[in-house]
């Protein structure tokens, strides 16, 4: 039975540490720009094709 209490305490400590790490990352600005990385690969090809066209002229 005492092992169960130890496991509960350890799991609460791990959960609290993940919560603190998440709050710290939000305050540090890790999640500020959520739109640009998802569409950056869509715009890279257009920029490369425009640069190739200007080089060919």
PDB file of N, CA and C in Angstrom:
ATOM      1  N   UNK A   1       0.818  -1.193   0.000  1.00  0.00           N
ATOM      2  CA  UNK A   1       0.000   0.000   0.000  1.00  0.00           C
ATOM      3  C   UNK A   1       0.859   1.253   0.000  1.00  0.00           C
ATOM      4  N   UNK A   2       2.016   1.183   0.655  1.00  0.00           N
ATOM      5  CA  UNK A   2       2.876   2.359   0.717  1.00  0.00           C
ATOM      6  C   UNK A   2       3.482   2.671  -0.659  1.00  0.00           C
ATOM      7  N   UNK A   3       3.644   1.643  -1.493  1.00  0.00           N
ATOM      8  CA  UNK A   3       4.162   1.870  -2.841  1.00  0.00           C
ATOM      9  C   UNK A   3       3.167   2.695  -3.650  1.00  0.00           C
ATOM     10  N   UNK A   4       1.889   2.493  -3.432  1.00  0.00           N
ATOM     11  CA  UNK A   4       0.858   3.247  -4.125  1.00  0.00           C
ATOM     12  C   UNK A   4       0.956   4.738  -3.791  1.00  0.00           C
ATOM     13  N   UNK A   5       1.183   5.053  -2.531  1.00  0.00           N
ATOM     14  CA  UNK A   5       1.339   6.450  -2.131  1.00  0.00           C
ATOM     15  C   UNK A   5       2.591   7.069  -2.741  1.00  0.00           C
ATOM     16  N   UNK A   6       3.645   6.298  -2.804  1.00  0.00           N
ATOM     17  CA  UNK A   6       4.889   6.797  -3.409  1.00  0.00           C
ATOM     18  C   UNK A   6       4.668   7.077  -4.899  1.00  0.00           C
ATOM     19  N   UNK A   7       3.982   6.179  -5.596  1.00  0.00           N
ATOM     20  CA  UNK A   7       3.711   6.376  -7.009  1.00  0.00           C
ATOM     21  C   UNK A   7       2.812   7.587  -7.261  1.00  0.00           C
ATOM     22  N   UNK A   8       1.847   7.802  -6.402  1.00  0.00           N
ATOM     23  CA  UNK A   8       0.968   8.973  -6.541  1.00  0.00           C
ATOM     24  C   UNK A   8       1.764  10.254  -6.346  1.00  0.00           C
ATOM     25  N   UNK A   9       2.626  10.283  -5.359  1.00  0.00           N
ATOM     26  CA  UNK A   9       3.444  11.467  -5.091  1.00  0.00           C
ATOM     27  C   UNK A   9       4.399  11.732  -6.254  1.00  0.00           C
ATOM     28  N   UNK A  10       5.024  10.677  -6.750  1.00  0.00           N
ATOM     29  CA  UNK A  10       5.948  10.840  -7.869  1.00  0.00           C
ATOM     30  C   UNK A  10       5.213  11.322  -9.113  1.00  0.00           C
ATOM     31  N   UNK A  11       4.037  10.796  -9.371  1.00  0.00           N
ATOM     32  CA  UNK A  11       3.278  11.225 -10.544  1.00  0.00           C
ATOM     33  C   UNK A  11       2.823  12.675 -10.409  1.00  0.00           C
ATOM     34  N   UNK A  12       2.469  13.109  -9.221  1.00  0.00           N
ATOM     35  CA  UNK A  12       2.108  14.510  -9.008  1.00  0.00           C
ATOM     36  C   UNK A  12       3.303  15.432  -9.208  1.00  0.00           C
ATOM     37  N   UNK A  13       4.478  15.009  -8.772  1.00  0.00           N
ATOM     38  CA  UNK A  13       5.692  15.812  -8.960  1.00  0.00           C
ATOM     39  C   UNK A  13       6.020  15.925 -10.453  1.00  0.00           C
ATOM     40  N   UNK A  14       5.910  14.836 -11.184  1.00  0.00           N
ATOM     41  CA  UNK A  14       6.184  14.855 -12.627  1.00  0.00           C
ATOM     42  C   UNK A  14       5.162  15.740 -13.339  1.00  0.00           C
ATOM     43  N   UNK A  15       3.904  15.628 -12.996  1.00  0.00           N
ATOM     44  CA  UNK A  15       2.862  16.449 -13.620  1.00  0.00           C
ATOM     45  C   UNK A  15       3.081  17.923 -13.310  1.00  0.00           C
ATOM     46  N   UNK A  16       3.445  18.244 -12.087  1.00  0.00           N
ATOM     47  CA  UNK A  16       3.714  19.632 -11.721  1.00  0.00           C
ATOM     48  C   UNK A  16       4.926  20.179 -12.474  1.00  0.00           C
ATOM     49  N   UNK A  17       5.944  19.340 -12.666  1.00  0.00           N
ATOM     50  CA  UNK A  17       7.123  19.817 -13.396  1.00  0.00           C
ATOM     51  C   UNK A  17       6.788  20.074 -14.866  1.00  0.00           C
ATOM     52  N   UNK A  18       5.945  19.238 -15.473  1.00  0.00           N
ATOM     53  CA  UNK A  18       5.516  19.491 -16.845  1.00  0.00           C
ATOM     54  C   UNK A  18       4.666  20.760 -16.931  1.00  0.00           C
ATOM     55  N   UNK A  19       3.839  21.002 -15.945  1.00  0.00           N
ATOM     56  CA  UNK A  19       3.033  22.220 -15.930  1.00  0.00           C
ATOM     57  C   UNK A  19       3.912  23.456 -15.814  1.00  0.00           C
ATOM     58  N   UNK A  20       4.909  23.404 -14.953  1.00  0.00           N
ATOM     59  CA  UNK A  20       5.838  24.529 -14.797  1.00  0.00           C
ATOM     60  C   UNK A  20       6.622  24.749 -16.091  1.00  0.00           C
ATOM     61  N   UNK A  21       7.067  23.685 -16.730  1.00  0.00           N
ATOM     62  CA  UNK A  21       7.796  23.817 -17.995  1.00  0.00           C
ATOM     63  C   UNK A  21       6.908  24.411 -19.084  1.00  0.00           C
ATOM     64  N   UNK A  22       5.656  24.031 -19.134  1.00  0.00           N
ATOM     65  CA  UNK A  22       4.727  24.575 -20.117  1.00  0.00           C
ATOM     66  C   UNK A  22       4.484  26.058 -19.877  1.00  0.00           C
ATOM     67  N   UNK A  23       4.238  26.441 -18.644  1.00  0.00           N
ATOM     68  CA  UNK A  23       4.006  27.849 -18.319  1.00  0.00           C
ATOM     69  C   UNK A  23       5.246  28.669 -18.639  1.00  0.00           C
ATOM     70  N   UNK A  24       6.416  28.128 -18.332  1.00  0.00           N
ATOM     71  CA  UNK A  24       7.670  28.834 -18.633  1.00  0.00           C
ATOM     72  C   UNK A  24       7.846  29.019 -20.136  1.00  0.00           C
ATOM     73  N   UNK A  25       7.515  28.006 -20.925  1.00  0.00           N
ATOM     74  CA  UNK A  25       7.681  28.127 -22.376  1.00  0.00           C
ATOM     75  C   UNK A  25       6.685  29.116 -22.968  1.00  0.00           C
ATOM     76  N   UNK A  26       5.492  29.191 -22.423  1.00  0.00           N
ATOM     77  CA  UNK A  26       4.513  30.162 -22.909  1.00  0.00           C
ATOM     78  C   UNK A  26       4.977  31.575 -22.583  1.00  0.00           C
ATOM     79  N   UNK A  27       5.495  31.784 -21.387  1.00  0.00           N
ATOM     80  CA  UNK A  27       5.987  33.111 -21.009  1.00  0.00           C
ATOM     81  C   UNK A  27       7.247  33.493 -21.782  1.00  0.00           C
ATOM     82  N   UNK A  28       8.025  32.505 -22.221  1.00  0.00           N
ATOM     83  CA  UNK A  28       9.237  32.788 -22.982  1.00  0.00           C
ATOM     84  C   UNK A  28       8.936  33.060 -24.450  1.00  0.00           C
ATOM     85  N   UNK A  29       7.693  32.862 -24.881  1.00  0.00           N
ATOM     86  CA  UNK A  29       7.300  33.180 -26.243  1.00  0.00           C
ATOM     87  C   UNK A  29       7.464  32.048 -27.234  1.00  0.00           C
ATOM     88  N   UNK A  30       7.448  30.834 -26.787  1.00  0.00           N
ATOM     89  CA  UNK A  30       7.628  29.708 -27.682  1.00  0.00           C
ATOM     90  C   UNK A  30       6.422  29.485 -28.599  1.00  0.00           C
ATOM     91  N   UNK A  31       5.259  29.963 -28.214  1.00  0.00           N
ATOM     92  CA  UNK A  31       4.042  29.699 -28.974  1.00  0.00           C
ATOM     93  C   UNK A  31       3.449  30.969 -29.576  1.00  0.00           C
ATOM     94  N   UNK A  32       4.254  32.005 -29.778  1.00  0.00           N
ATOM     95  CA  UNK A  32       3.716  33.268 -30.274  1.00  0.00           C
ATOM     96  C   UNK A  32       3.316  33.198 -31.743  1.00  0.00           C
ATOM     97  N   UNK A  33       4.132  32.582 -32.584  1.00  0.00           N
ATOM     98  CA  UNK A  33       3.843  32.558 -34.014  1.00  0.00           C
ATOM     99  C   UNK A  33       3.462  31.147 -34.423  1.00  0.00           C
ATOM    100  N   UNK A  34       2.190  30.865 -34.389  1.00  0.00           N
ATOM    101  CA  UNK A  34       1.731  29.535 -34.730  1.00  0.00           C
ATOM    102  C   UNK A  34       1.298  29.392 -36.173  1.00  0.00           C
ATOM    103  N   UNK A  35       1.176  30.506 -36.893  1.00  0.00           N
ATOM    104  CA  UNK A  35       0.682  30.446 -38.260  1.00  0.00           C
ATOM    105  C   UNK A  35       1.805  30.298 -39.284  1.00  0.00           C
ATOM    106  N   UNK A  36       2.858  31.071 -39.137  1.00  0.00           N
ATOM    107  CA  UNK A  36       3.907  31.120 -40.156  1.00  0.00           C
ATOM    108  C   UNK A  36       4.588  29.778 -40.413  1.00  0.00           C
ATOM    109  N   UNK A  37       5.001  29.005 -39.413  1.00  0.00           N
ATOM    110  CA  UNK A  37       5.685  27.746 -39.731  1.00  0.00           C
ATOM    111  C   UNK A  37       4.830  26.769 -40.528  1.00  0.00           C
ATOM    112  N   UNK A  38       3.532  26.810 -40.351  1.00  0.00           N
ATOM    113  CA  UNK A  38       2.685  25.848 -41.057  1.00  0.00           C
ATOM    114  C   UNK A  38       2.520  26.184 -42.531  1.00  0.00           C
ATOM    115  N   UNK A  39       2.693  27.452 -42.903  1.00  0.00           N
ATOM    116  CA  UNK A  39       2.531  27.832 -44.303  1.00  0.00           C
ATOM    117  C   UNK A  39       3.840  28.262 -44.956  1.00  0.00           C
ATOM    118  N   UNK A  40       4.918  28.265 -44.223  1.00  0.00           N
ATOM    119  CA  UNK A  40       6.194  28.710 -44.773  1.00  0.00           C
ATOM    120  C   UNK A  40       6.610  27.859 -45.963  1.00  0.00           C
ATOM    121  N   UNK A  41       6.381  26.567 -45.892  1.00  0.00           N
ATOM    122  CA  UNK A  41       6.786  25.697 -47.000  1.00  0.00           C
ATOM    123  C   UNK A  41       5.954  25.967 -48.257  1.00  0.00           C
ATOM    124  N   UNK A  42       4.760  26.532 -48.104  1.00  0.00           N
ATOM    125  CA  UNK A  42       3.955  26.860 -49.266  1.00  0.00           C
ATOM    126  C   UNK A  42       4.491  28.071 -50.008  1.00  0.00           C
ATOM    127  N   UNK A  43       5.086  29.005 -49.285  1.00  0.00           N
ATOM    128  CA  UNK A  43       5.582  30.229 -49.892  1.00  0.00           C
ATOM    129  C   UNK A  43       7.023  30.112 -50.360  1.00  0.00           C
ATOM    130  N   UNK A  44       7.781  29.157 -49.868  1.00  0.00           N
ATOM    131  CA  UNK A  44       9.175  29.009 -50.265  1.00  0.00           C
ATOM    132  C   UNK A  44       9.298  28.699 -51.746  1.00  0.00           C
ATOM    133  N   UNK A  45       8.441  27.863 -52.292  1.00  0.00           N
ATOM    134  CA  UNK A  45       8.506  27.522 -53.708  1.00  0.00           C
ATOM    135  C   UNK A  45       8.218  28.733 -54.589  1.00  0.00           C
ATOM    136  N   UNK A  46       7.288  29.574 -54.191  1.00  0.00           N
ATOM    137  CA  UNK A  46       6.976  30.769 -54.966  1.00  0.00           C
ATOM    138  C   UNK A  46       8.160  31.725 -54.984  1.00  0.00           C
ATOM    139  N   UNK A  47       8.829  31.877 -53.850  1.00  0.00           N
ATOM    140  CA  UNK A  47       9.986  32.757 -53.793  1.00  0.00           C
ATOM    141  C   UNK A  47      11.129  32.215 -54.641  1.00  0.00           C
ATOM    142  N   UNK A  48      11.328  30.909 -54.615  1.00  0.00           N
ATOM    143  CA  UNK A  48      12.393  30.318 -55.408  1.00  0.00           C
ATOM    144  C   UNK A  48      12.092  30.448 -56.891  1.00  0.00           C
ATOM    145  N   UNK A  49      10.849  30.245 -57.288  1.00  0.00           N
ATOM    146  CA  UNK A  49      10.500  30.339 -58.705  1.00  0.00           C
ATOM    147  C   UNK A  49      10.611  31.788 -59.184  1.00  0.00           C
ATOM    148  N   UNK A  50      10.290  32.757 -58.359  1.00  0.00           N
ATOM    149  CA  UNK A  50      10.443  34.162 -58.738  1.00  0.00           C
ATOM    150  C   UNK A  50      11.912  34.519 -58.895  1.00  0.00           C
ATOM    151  N   UNK A  51      12.761  33.991 -58.014  1.00  0.00           N
ATOM    152  CA  UNK A  51      14.193  34.265 -58.104  1.00  0.00           C
ATOM    153  C   UNK A  51      14.787  33.625 -59.354  1.00  0.00           C
ATOM    154  N   UNK A  52      14.343  32.447 -59.721  1.00  0.00           N
ATOM    155  CA  UNK A  52      14.859  31.774 -60.919  1.00  0.00           C
ATOM    156  C   UNK A  52      14.429  32.535 -62.177  1.00  0.00           C
ATOM    157  N   UNK A  53      13.207  33.056 -62.197  1.00  0.00           N
ATOM    158  CA  UNK A  53      12.743  33.822 -63.343  1.00  0.00           C
ATOM    159  C   UNK A  53      13.533  35.113 -63.501  1.00  0.00           C
ATOM    160  N   UNK A  54      13.852  35.755 -62.393  1.00  0.00           N
ATOM    161  CA  UNK A  54      14.596  37.017 -62.484  1.00  0.00           C
ATOM    162  C   UNK A  54      16.045  36.757 -62.892  1.00  0.00           C
ATOM    163  N   UNK A  55      16.594  35.613 -62.576  1.00  0.00           N
ATOM    164  CA  UNK A  55      17.960  35.274 -62.959  1.00  0.00           C
ATOM    165  C   UNK A  55      18.019  34.956 -64.441  1.00  0.00           C
ATOM    166  N   UNK A  56      16.977  34.312 -64.979  1.00  0.00           N
ATOM    167  CA  UNK A  56      16.953  33.924 -66.393  1.00  0.00           C
ATOM    168  C   UNK A  56      16.835  35.131 -67.304  1.00  0.00           C
ATOM    169  N   UNK A  57      16.199  36.206 -66.856  1.00  0.00           N
ATOM    170  CA  UNK A  57      15.992  37.394 -67.703  1.00  0.00           C
ATOM    171  C   UNK A  57      17.244  38.129 -67.895  1.00  0.00           C
TER     172      UNK A  57
END
